[in-house]
Amino acid sequence: MAKSSTILVKLESTAGTGFFYVKKRNPKKLTEKLKFRKYDPKARQHVDFVEKKIK
């Protein structure tokens, strides 16, 4: 059976609340790090979420 080409990455809030989303990413097609503007319920506002490694 072949390995999956996608990896799981953690999108962590830049507000410093510790809130994060988990998203799949294909490192062969998308070489740059992910960055999204999403809702942080702990900060109760939309903030930037940047890609971090899942530990």
N, C-alpha and C. Protein backbone atom coordinates (compact mmCIF):
# COMPACT_ATOMS: atom_id res chain seq x y z
N MET A 1 0.84 -1.18 0.00
CA MET A 1 0.00 0.00 0.00
C MET A 1 0.89 1.25 0.00
N ALA A 2 0.51 2.23 -0.77
CA ALA A 2 1.31 3.45 -0.90
C ALA A 2 1.05 4.39 0.27
N LYS A 3 2.06 5.19 0.60
CA LYS A 3 1.92 6.20 1.65
C LYS A 3 1.09 7.36 1.11
N SER A 4 0.41 8.03 2.01
CA SER A 4 -0.35 9.21 1.65
C SER A 4 0.61 10.37 1.38
N SER A 5 0.31 11.18 0.37
CA SER A 5 1.21 12.29 0.03
C SER A 5 0.91 13.54 0.87
N THR A 6 -0.20 13.52 1.64
CA THR A 6 -0.53 14.69 2.45
C THR A 6 -0.03 14.51 3.87
N ILE A 7 0.27 15.63 4.50
CA ILE A 7 0.69 15.63 5.91
C ILE A 7 -0.26 16.52 6.70
N LEU A 8 -0.36 16.27 7.99
CA LEU A 8 -1.17 17.11 8.85
C LEU A 8 -0.29 18.21 9.43
N VAL A 9 -0.80 19.44 9.40
CA VAL A 9 -0.09 20.57 9.99
C VAL A 9 -1.02 21.29 10.97
N LYS A 10 -0.41 21.95 11.92
CA LYS A 10 -1.17 22.69 12.92
C LYS A 10 -1.14 24.17 12.55
N LEU A 11 -2.30 24.80 12.48
CA LEU A 11 -2.40 26.24 12.25
C LEU A 11 -2.64 26.89 13.60
N GLU A 12 -1.62 27.57 14.12
CA GLU A 12 -1.68 28.14 15.46
C GLU A 12 -1.98 29.63 15.41
N SER A 13 -2.78 30.09 16.34
CA SER A 13 -3.19 31.49 16.40
C SER A 13 -2.02 32.39 16.75
N THR A 14 -1.94 33.55 16.09
CA THR A 14 -0.89 34.52 16.40
C THR A 14 -1.30 35.42 17.57
N ALA A 15 -2.54 35.26 18.07
CA ALA A 15 -3.00 36.05 19.20
C ALA A 15 -2.41 35.55 20.52
N GLY A 16 -1.79 34.36 20.51
CA GLY A 16 -1.16 33.85 21.70
C GLY A 16 -2.11 33.15 22.66
N THR A 17 -3.29 32.76 22.17
CA THR A 17 -4.27 32.10 23.03
C THR A 17 -4.05 30.60 23.12
N GLY A 18 -3.26 30.03 22.20
CA GLY A 18 -3.04 28.59 22.20
C GLY A 18 -4.05 27.83 21.37
N PHE A 19 -5.01 28.53 20.79
CA PHE A 19 -6.03 27.88 19.95
C PHE A 19 -5.41 27.52 18.61
N PHE A 20 -5.80 26.36 18.04
CA PHE A 20 -5.24 25.94 16.76
C PHE A 20 -6.25 25.14 15.95
N TYR A 21 -6.05 25.11 14.65
CA TYR A 21 -6.78 24.26 13.72
C TYR A 21 -5.80 23.24 13.17
N VAL A 22 -6.30 22.09 12.70
CA VAL A 22 -5.47 21.08 12.05
C VAL A 22 -5.94 20.97 10.61
N LYS A 23 -4.99 20.99 9.67
CA LYS A 23 -5.31 20.98 8.25
C LYS A 23 -4.35 20.05 7.52
N LYS A 24 -4.82 19.47 6.41
CA LYS A 24 -3.97 18.63 5.57
C LYS A 24 -3.27 19.50 4.53
N ARG A 25 -2.04 19.11 4.19
CA ARG A 25 -1.29 19.86 3.18
C ARG A 25 -0.44 18.87 2.38
N ASN A 26 -0.37 19.09 1.07
CA ASN A 26 0.48 18.29 0.21
C ASN A 26 1.80 19.03 0.02
N PRO A 27 2.91 18.56 0.62
CA PRO A 27 4.16 19.31 0.56
C PRO A 27 4.81 19.31 -0.83
N LYS A 28 4.41 18.40 -1.70
CA LYS A 28 4.98 18.38 -3.05
C LYS A 28 4.38 19.48 -3.93
N LYS A 29 3.10 19.78 -3.72
CA LYS A 29 2.44 20.80 -4.53
C LYS A 29 2.48 22.18 -3.88
N LEU A 30 2.35 22.23 -2.56
CA LEU A 30 2.34 23.49 -1.81
C LEU A 30 3.61 23.57 -0.99
N THR A 31 4.62 24.25 -1.49
CA THR A 31 5.92 24.25 -0.81
C THR A 31 6.03 25.33 0.27
N GLU A 32 5.29 26.42 0.17
CA GLU A 32 5.38 27.49 1.18
C GLU A 32 4.47 27.16 2.36
N LYS A 33 4.73 27.80 3.49
CA LYS A 33 3.95 27.55 4.69
C LYS A 33 2.57 28.18 4.57
N LEU A 34 1.58 27.53 5.19
CA LEU A 34 0.20 28.02 5.14
C LEU A 34 0.01 29.19 6.10
N LYS A 35 -0.84 30.12 5.70
CA LYS A 35 -1.20 31.25 6.54
C LYS A 35 -2.64 31.62 6.20
N PHE A 36 -3.52 31.59 7.19
CA PHE A 36 -4.93 31.91 7.00
C PHE A 36 -5.37 32.94 8.01
N ARG A 37 -6.42 33.66 7.68
CA ARG A 37 -7.06 34.57 8.62
C ARG A 37 -8.38 33.92 9.00
N LYS A 38 -8.44 33.40 10.23
CA LYS A 38 -9.60 32.65 10.69
C LYS A 38 -10.03 33.16 12.06
N TYR A 39 -11.17 32.65 12.52
CA TYR A 39 -11.74 33.07 13.80
C TYR A 39 -11.10 32.35 14.97
N ASP A 40 -10.68 33.09 15.97
CA ASP A 40 -10.16 32.54 17.22
C ASP A 40 -11.22 32.76 18.30
N PRO A 41 -11.89 31.69 18.75
CA PRO A 41 -12.97 31.87 19.74
C PRO A 41 -12.48 32.33 21.11
N LYS A 42 -11.23 32.04 21.46
CA LYS A 42 -10.71 32.50 22.76
C LYS A 42 -10.46 34.00 22.74
N ALA A 43 -9.96 34.52 21.60
CA ALA A 43 -9.72 35.96 21.47
C ALA A 43 -10.99 36.68 21.01
N ARG A 44 -11.96 35.92 20.52
CA ARG A 44 -13.24 36.41 20.01
C ARG A 44 -13.07 37.41 18.88
N GLN A 45 -12.15 37.10 17.96
CA GLN A 45 -11.94 37.93 16.77
C GLN A 45 -11.20 37.12 15.71
N HIS A 46 -11.16 37.65 14.50
CA HIS A 46 -10.41 37.02 13.43
C HIS A 46 -8.95 37.43 13.53
N VAL A 47 -8.06 36.44 13.50
CA VAL A 47 -6.62 36.68 13.58
C VAL A 47 -5.92 35.80 12.56
N ASP A 48 -4.64 36.05 12.35
CA ASP A 48 -3.85 35.22 11.43
C ASP A 48 -3.46 33.92 12.14
N PHE A 49 -3.53 32.84 11.38
CA PHE A 49 -3.11 31.52 11.85
C PHE A 49 -1.96 31.10 10.95
N VAL A 50 -0.83 30.70 11.54
CA VAL A 50 0.34 30.29 10.77
C VAL A 50 0.65 28.82 11.05
N GLU A 51 1.32 28.21 10.09
CA GLU A 51 1.62 26.78 10.16
C GLU A 51 2.74 26.48 11.15
N LYS A 52 2.52 25.47 11.98
CA LYS A 52 3.52 24.95 12.92
C LYS A 52 3.52 23.43 12.75
N LYS A 53 4.58 22.79 13.23
CA LYS A 53 4.64 21.33 13.21
C LYS A 53 3.77 20.76 14.33
N ILE A 54 3.16 19.60 14.07
CA ILE A 54 2.45 18.88 15.10
C ILE A 54 3.48 18.08 15.89
N LYS A 55 3.49 18.24 17.19
CA LYS A 55 4.48 17.54 18.03
C LYS A 55 3.97 16.20 18.47
